[in-house]
């Protein structure tokens, strides 16, 4: 599915967070999620040499803390103009487990598209 205006809004919000949070050398990522009630929640990854949560998980946590509405769409955007990036395997699995059927905006060579999170998992039927 091609990118629509609501998806562009989500991408823009994630990009704003990535750029605002960036310190220029730590692989900063911003994420935005839309819930079934239309609200948008954002998050950024928390970089530390011992590891840390991905931006998608921080945004999911923000949504969970604020509402009980299901998450319907997720996007992650890299800082320094890297654009939309696909979620890592761990994030894909968590999104699928907590929000089955959720769509994820992902990059392709011809632009961004949405996919059901299950389609991004290796053993999806």
N, C-alpha and C. Protein backbone atom coordinates (compact mmCIF):
# COMPACT_ATOMS: atom_id res chain seq x y z
N UNK A 1 0.84 -1.17 0.00
CA UNK A 1 0.00 0.00 0.00
C UNK A 1 0.89 1.24 0.00
N UNK A 2 0.60 2.21 -0.82
CA UNK A 2 1.37 3.45 -0.91
C UNK A 2 1.13 4.31 0.33
N UNK A 3 2.02 5.26 0.54
CA UNK A 3 1.95 6.12 1.72
C UNK A 3 0.83 7.14 1.58
N UNK A 4 0.00 7.27 2.63
CA UNK A 4 -1.11 8.23 2.64
C UNK A 4 -0.78 9.41 3.55
N UNK A 5 -1.65 10.42 3.56
CA UNK A 5 -1.42 11.60 4.41
C UNK A 5 -1.29 11.26 5.90
N UNK A 6 -2.17 10.40 6.47
CA UNK A 6 -1.99 10.06 7.88
C UNK A 6 -0.64 9.37 8.14
N UNK A 7 -0.19 8.59 7.17
CA UNK A 7 1.11 7.94 7.31
C UNK A 7 2.23 8.97 7.23
N UNK A 8 2.09 9.95 6.34
CA UNK A 8 3.09 11.01 6.24
C UNK A 8 3.17 11.81 7.54
N UNK A 9 2.02 12.02 8.18
CA UNK A 9 2.01 12.71 9.47
C UNK A 9 2.79 11.91 10.51
N UNK A 10 2.59 10.61 10.53
CA UNK A 10 3.30 9.75 11.48
C UNK A 10 4.80 9.78 11.21
N UNK A 11 5.18 9.71 9.94
CA UNK A 11 6.60 9.78 9.56
C UNK A 11 7.21 11.11 10.02
N UNK A 12 6.48 12.19 9.79
CA UNK A 12 6.98 13.52 10.18
C UNK A 12 7.18 13.61 11.69
N UNK A 13 6.23 13.09 12.46
CA UNK A 13 6.36 13.15 13.93
C UNK A 13 7.56 12.34 14.40
N UNK A 14 7.76 11.16 13.82
CA UNK A 14 8.92 10.35 14.20
C UNK A 14 10.22 11.05 13.81
N UNK A 15 10.24 11.66 12.63
CA UNK A 15 11.43 12.38 12.18
C UNK A 15 11.76 13.56 13.08
N UNK A 16 10.75 14.28 13.53
CA UNK A 16 10.97 15.40 14.45
C UNK A 16 11.64 14.92 15.73
N UNK A 17 11.17 13.81 16.26
CA UNK A 17 11.75 13.26 17.49
C UNK A 17 13.19 12.83 17.25
N UNK A 18 13.46 12.17 16.13
CA UNK A 18 14.82 11.72 15.84
C UNK A 18 15.78 12.90 15.76
N UNK A 19 15.39 13.94 15.05
CA UNK A 19 16.27 15.10 14.90
C UNK A 19 16.44 15.86 16.21
N UNK A 20 15.36 16.01 16.96
CA UNK A 20 15.43 16.72 18.24
C UNK A 20 16.28 15.96 19.25
N UNK A 21 16.28 14.65 19.18
CA UNK A 21 17.00 13.82 20.15
C UNK A 21 18.44 13.52 19.74
N UNK A 22 18.78 13.79 18.50
CA UNK A 22 20.09 13.41 17.95
C UNK A 22 21.23 14.21 18.56
N UNK A 23 22.32 13.50 18.84
CA UNK A 23 23.53 14.20 19.22
C UNK A 23 24.60 14.04 18.15
N UNK A 24 24.20 13.51 17.01
CA UNK A 24 25.08 13.46 15.85
C UNK A 24 25.96 12.25 15.68
N UNK A 25 25.98 11.34 16.62
CA UNK A 25 26.86 10.19 16.43
C UNK A 25 26.43 8.93 17.17
N UNK A 26 25.19 8.83 17.50
CA UNK A 26 24.77 7.68 18.28
C UNK A 26 23.65 6.87 17.66
N UNK A 27 23.43 6.97 16.37
CA UNK A 27 22.37 6.19 15.72
C UNK A 27 21.01 6.47 16.36
N UNK A 28 20.66 7.73 16.45
CA UNK A 28 19.39 8.11 17.07
C UNK A 28 18.23 7.78 16.15
N UNK A 29 17.19 7.22 16.73
CA UNK A 29 15.98 6.86 16.01
C UNK A 29 14.78 7.44 16.76
N UNK A 30 13.83 7.98 16.01
CA UNK A 30 12.56 8.41 16.57
C UNK A 30 11.48 7.48 16.06
N UNK A 31 10.46 7.26 16.86
CA UNK A 31 9.34 6.42 16.43
C UNK A 31 8.04 7.11 16.79
N UNK A 32 7.02 6.80 16.03
CA UNK A 32 5.67 7.29 16.32
C UNK A 32 4.70 6.14 16.12
N UNK A 33 3.70 6.09 16.99
CA UNK A 33 2.65 5.08 16.87
C UNK A 33 1.30 5.79 16.88
N UNK A 34 0.38 5.24 16.12
CA UNK A 34 -1.00 5.75 16.12
C UNK A 34 -1.86 4.68 16.77
N UNK A 35 -2.77 5.12 17.64
CA UNK A 35 -3.66 4.20 18.32
C UNK A 35 -5.02 4.19 17.65
N UNK A 36 -5.83 3.21 18.01
CA UNK A 36 -7.15 3.06 17.39
C UNK A 36 -8.03 4.28 17.60
N UNK A 37 -7.78 5.06 18.65
CA UNK A 37 -8.57 6.27 18.88
C UNK A 37 -7.98 7.49 18.17
N UNK A 38 -6.96 7.28 17.32
CA UNK A 38 -6.40 8.35 16.51
C UNK A 38 -5.28 9.15 17.14
N UNK A 39 -4.93 8.83 18.37
CA UNK A 39 -3.85 9.56 19.04
C UNK A 39 -2.48 9.10 18.51
N UNK A 40 -1.50 10.00 18.58
CA UNK A 40 -0.13 9.69 18.18
C UNK A 40 0.77 9.83 19.40
N UNK A 41 1.63 8.84 19.61
CA UNK A 41 2.60 8.85 20.69
C UNK A 41 3.98 8.63 20.08
N UNK A 42 4.98 9.29 20.66
CA UNK A 42 6.33 9.23 20.10
C UNK A 42 7.31 8.74 21.14
N UNK A 43 8.47 8.32 20.65
CA UNK A 43 9.56 7.91 21.53
C UNK A 43 10.87 7.94 20.78
N UNK A 44 11.95 7.89 21.52
CA UNK A 44 13.28 7.83 20.92
C UNK A 44 14.06 6.71 21.59
N UNK A 45 15.02 6.15 20.87
CA UNK A 45 15.82 5.10 21.48
C UNK A 45 16.68 5.72 22.59
N UNK A 46 17.04 4.90 23.56
CA UNK A 46 17.88 5.34 24.66
C UNK A 46 19.20 4.61 24.51
N UNK A 47 20.16 5.31 23.93
CA UNK A 47 21.45 4.68 23.65
C UNK A 47 22.30 4.58 24.91
N UNK A 48 22.88 3.42 25.11
CA UNK A 48 23.86 3.21 26.17
C UNK A 48 24.71 2.03 25.73
N UNK A 49 25.98 2.05 26.07
CA UNK A 49 26.86 0.98 25.60
C UNK A 49 26.42 -0.40 26.08
N UNK A 50 25.62 -0.48 27.12
CA UNK A 50 25.13 -1.77 27.60
C UNK A 50 23.85 -2.21 26.89
N UNK A 51 23.35 -1.38 26.01
CA UNK A 51 22.10 -1.66 25.32
C UNK A 51 21.04 -0.68 25.79
N UNK A 52 19.89 -0.77 25.24
CA UNK A 52 18.82 0.14 25.62
C UNK A 52 17.62 -0.12 24.75
N UNK A 53 16.49 0.45 25.12
CA UNK A 53 15.28 0.19 24.34
C UNK A 53 15.29 0.91 23.00
N UNK A 54 14.72 0.25 22.02
CA UNK A 54 14.54 0.84 20.69
C UNK A 54 13.45 1.91 20.77
N UNK A 55 13.47 2.82 19.82
CA UNK A 55 12.49 3.91 19.78
C UNK A 55 11.06 3.39 19.69
N UNK A 56 10.86 2.32 18.92
CA UNK A 56 9.51 1.77 18.78
C UNK A 56 8.96 1.32 20.13
N UNK A 57 9.81 0.70 20.95
CA UNK A 57 9.35 0.22 22.25
C UNK A 57 9.05 1.37 23.19
N UNK A 58 9.84 2.44 23.11
CA UNK A 58 9.58 3.62 23.94
C UNK A 58 8.24 4.24 23.54
N UNK A 59 7.98 4.34 22.24
CA UNK A 59 6.70 4.89 21.76
C UNK A 59 5.53 3.99 22.16
N UNK A 60 5.71 2.67 22.06
CA UNK A 60 4.66 1.75 22.50
C UNK A 60 4.38 1.93 23.99
N UNK A 61 5.43 2.11 24.78
CA UNK A 61 5.26 2.33 26.21
C UNK A 61 4.53 3.63 26.51
N UNK A 62 4.85 4.68 25.76
CA UNK A 62 4.16 5.97 25.95
C UNK A 62 2.67 5.82 25.65
N UNK A 63 2.36 5.09 24.59
CA UNK A 63 0.95 4.87 24.24
C UNK A 63 0.26 4.05 25.32
N UNK A 64 0.93 3.04 25.79
CA UNK A 64 0.35 2.17 26.82
C UNK A 64 0.10 2.94 28.12
N UNK A 65 1.03 3.84 28.46
CA UNK A 65 0.89 4.62 29.69
C UNK A 65 -0.26 5.62 29.60
N UNK A 66 -0.59 6.04 28.39
CA UNK A 66 -1.60 7.08 28.22
C UNK A 66 -3.00 6.57 27.87
N UNK A 67 -3.11 5.36 27.35
CA UNK A 67 -4.39 4.89 26.83
C UNK A 67 -4.44 3.37 26.83
N UNK A 68 -5.62 2.85 26.65
CA UNK A 68 -5.77 1.41 26.48
C UNK A 68 -6.08 1.05 25.03
N UNK A 69 -6.12 2.05 24.16
CA UNK A 69 -6.42 1.81 22.75
C UNK A 69 -5.32 0.99 22.10
N UNK A 70 -5.72 0.13 21.20
CA UNK A 70 -4.75 -0.69 20.47
C UNK A 70 -3.91 0.18 19.54
N UNK A 71 -2.66 -0.20 19.37
CA UNK A 71 -1.79 0.48 18.41
C UNK A 71 -2.09 -0.09 17.03
N UNK A 72 -2.33 0.79 16.07
CA UNK A 72 -2.70 0.36 14.73
C UNK A 72 -1.61 0.59 13.69
N UNK A 73 -0.65 1.50 13.99
CA UNK A 73 0.40 1.79 13.02
C UNK A 73 1.67 2.24 13.74
N UNK A 74 2.82 1.83 13.21
CA UNK A 74 4.12 2.16 13.79
C UNK A 74 5.07 2.58 12.67
N UNK A 75 5.94 3.56 12.98
CA UNK A 75 7.01 3.92 12.06
C UNK A 75 8.22 4.34 12.86
N UNK A 76 9.41 4.06 12.33
CA UNK A 76 10.67 4.52 12.91
C UNK A 76 11.42 5.31 11.85
N UNK A 77 12.08 6.39 12.28
CA UNK A 77 12.83 7.26 11.37
C UNK A 77 14.20 7.53 11.98
N UNK A 78 15.24 7.42 11.16
CA UNK A 78 16.59 7.68 11.62
C UNK A 78 16.93 9.16 11.58
N UNK A 79 17.85 9.56 12.44
CA UNK A 79 18.29 10.95 12.46
C UNK A 79 19.19 11.25 11.26
N UNK A 80 19.60 12.49 11.14
CA UNK A 80 20.51 12.95 10.09
C UNK A 80 19.99 12.61 8.69
N UNK A 81 18.66 12.69 8.53
CA UNK A 81 18.07 12.50 7.22
C UNK A 81 18.04 11.08 6.70
N UNK A 82 18.20 10.09 7.58
CA UNK A 82 18.21 8.69 7.12
C UNK A 82 16.84 8.20 6.70
N UNK A 83 15.78 8.89 7.09
CA UNK A 83 14.45 8.52 6.66
C UNK A 83 13.89 7.33 7.40
N UNK A 84 12.82 6.77 6.84
CA UNK A 84 12.13 5.63 7.45
C UNK A 84 13.06 4.43 7.47
N UNK A 85 13.08 3.75 8.61
CA UNK A 85 13.87 2.52 8.74
C UNK A 85 12.95 1.41 9.22
N UNK A 86 13.27 0.20 8.87
CA UNK A 86 12.47 -0.96 9.30
C UNK A 86 12.79 -1.29 10.75
N UNK A 87 11.81 -1.77 11.49
CA UNK A 87 12.09 -2.17 12.88
C UNK A 87 12.98 -3.40 12.93
N UNK A 88 13.74 -3.51 14.01
CA UNK A 88 14.58 -4.69 14.19
C UNK A 88 13.69 -5.91 14.45
N UNK A 89 14.28 -7.07 14.45
CA UNK A 89 13.53 -8.31 14.66
C UNK A 89 12.82 -8.36 15.99
N UNK A 90 13.50 -7.90 17.04
CA UNK A 90 12.88 -7.91 18.37
C UNK A 90 11.64 -7.02 18.39
N UNK A 91 11.74 -5.83 17.83
CA UNK A 91 10.59 -4.92 17.80
C UNK A 91 9.45 -5.51 16.97
N UNK A 92 9.78 -6.13 15.84
CA UNK A 92 8.74 -6.75 15.02
C UNK A 92 7.96 -7.78 15.82
N UNK A 93 8.69 -8.62 16.56
CA UNK A 93 8.04 -9.67 17.33
C UNK A 93 7.18 -9.08 18.45
N UNK A 94 7.70 -8.07 19.14
CA UNK A 94 6.94 -7.45 20.23
C UNK A 94 5.67 -6.79 19.69
N UNK A 95 5.80 -6.06 18.60
CA UNK A 95 4.62 -5.42 18.00
C UNK A 95 3.59 -6.48 17.62
N UNK A 96 4.04 -7.56 16.99
CA UNK A 96 3.12 -8.63 16.58
C UNK A 96 2.44 -9.29 17.78
N UNK A 97 3.20 -9.49 18.85
CA UNK A 97 2.63 -10.14 20.04
C UNK A 97 1.63 -9.24 20.76
N UNK A 98 1.96 -7.95 20.87
CA UNK A 98 1.10 -7.03 21.63
C UNK A 98 -0.02 -6.41 20.81
N UNK A 99 0.22 -6.26 19.51
CA UNK A 99 -0.76 -5.58 18.64
C UNK A 99 -0.90 -6.32 17.31
N UNK A 100 -1.45 -7.53 17.33
CA UNK A 100 -1.59 -8.31 16.10
C UNK A 100 -2.34 -7.51 15.03
N UNK A 101 -1.86 -7.61 13.80
CA UNK A 101 -2.50 -6.90 12.70
C UNK A 101 -2.07 -5.46 12.55
N UNK A 102 -1.26 -4.97 13.46
CA UNK A 102 -0.75 -3.60 13.38
C UNK A 102 0.02 -3.43 12.07
N UNK A 103 -0.10 -2.27 11.45
CA UNK A 103 0.67 -2.00 10.25
C UNK A 103 1.94 -1.24 10.61
N UNK A 104 2.98 -1.49 9.82
CA UNK A 104 4.28 -0.86 10.01
C UNK A 104 4.66 -0.20 8.70
N UNK A 105 5.11 1.04 8.78
CA UNK A 105 5.60 1.74 7.59
C UNK A 105 7.07 1.37 7.42
N UNK A 106 7.41 0.85 6.25
CA UNK A 106 8.78 0.40 5.99
C UNK A 106 9.30 0.98 4.67
N UNK A 107 10.62 1.08 4.55
CA UNK A 107 11.19 1.59 3.31
C UNK A 107 11.29 0.50 2.25
N UNK A 108 11.20 0.90 1.00
CA UNK A 108 11.48 0.03 -0.14
C UNK A 108 12.31 0.85 -1.12
N UNK A 109 12.90 0.23 -2.13
CA UNK A 109 13.66 1.01 -3.11
C UNK A 109 12.83 2.08 -3.81
N UNK A 110 11.50 1.89 -3.87
CA UNK A 110 10.66 2.86 -4.57
C UNK A 110 9.86 3.77 -3.63
N UNK A 111 10.19 3.79 -2.35
CA UNK A 111 9.49 4.63 -1.39
C UNK A 111 8.99 3.83 -0.20
N UNK A 112 8.17 4.46 0.62
CA UNK A 112 7.66 3.77 1.80
C UNK A 112 6.33 3.09 1.50
N UNK A 113 6.11 1.98 2.18
CA UNK A 113 4.86 1.22 2.07
C UNK A 113 4.46 0.77 3.47
N UNK A 114 3.22 0.34 3.61
CA UNK A 114 2.78 -0.25 4.87
C UNK A 114 2.62 -1.75 4.69
N UNK A 115 2.96 -2.45 5.76
CA UNK A 115 2.82 -3.90 5.79
C UNK A 115 2.27 -4.30 7.15
N UNK A 116 1.48 -5.34 7.18
CA UNK A 116 1.10 -5.91 8.47
C UNK A 116 2.37 -6.42 9.14
N UNK A 117 2.50 -6.19 10.43
CA UNK A 117 3.73 -6.56 11.12
C UNK A 117 4.04 -8.04 10.93
N UNK A 118 3.02 -8.87 10.86
CA UNK A 118 3.26 -10.31 10.68
C UNK A 118 3.99 -10.61 9.37
N UNK A 119 3.78 -9.79 8.35
CA UNK A 119 4.47 -9.99 7.08
C UNK A 119 5.97 -9.74 7.19
N UNK A 120 6.39 -9.06 8.23
CA UNK A 120 7.81 -8.75 8.42
C UNK A 120 8.53 -9.81 9.24
N UNK A 121 7.79 -10.81 9.71
CA UNK A 121 8.39 -11.88 10.50
C UNK A 121 8.80 -13.04 9.59
N UNK A 122 9.89 -13.72 9.91
CA UNK A 122 10.43 -14.74 9.00
C UNK A 122 9.56 -15.96 8.79
N UNK A 123 8.75 -16.33 9.75
CA UNK A 123 7.96 -17.56 9.61
C UNK A 123 6.48 -17.27 9.43
N UNK A 124 6.19 -16.11 8.86
CA UNK A 124 4.79 -15.76 8.58
C UNK A 124 4.28 -16.65 7.45
N UNK A 125 3.10 -17.26 7.65
CA UNK A 125 2.57 -18.15 6.60
C UNK A 125 2.26 -17.44 5.30
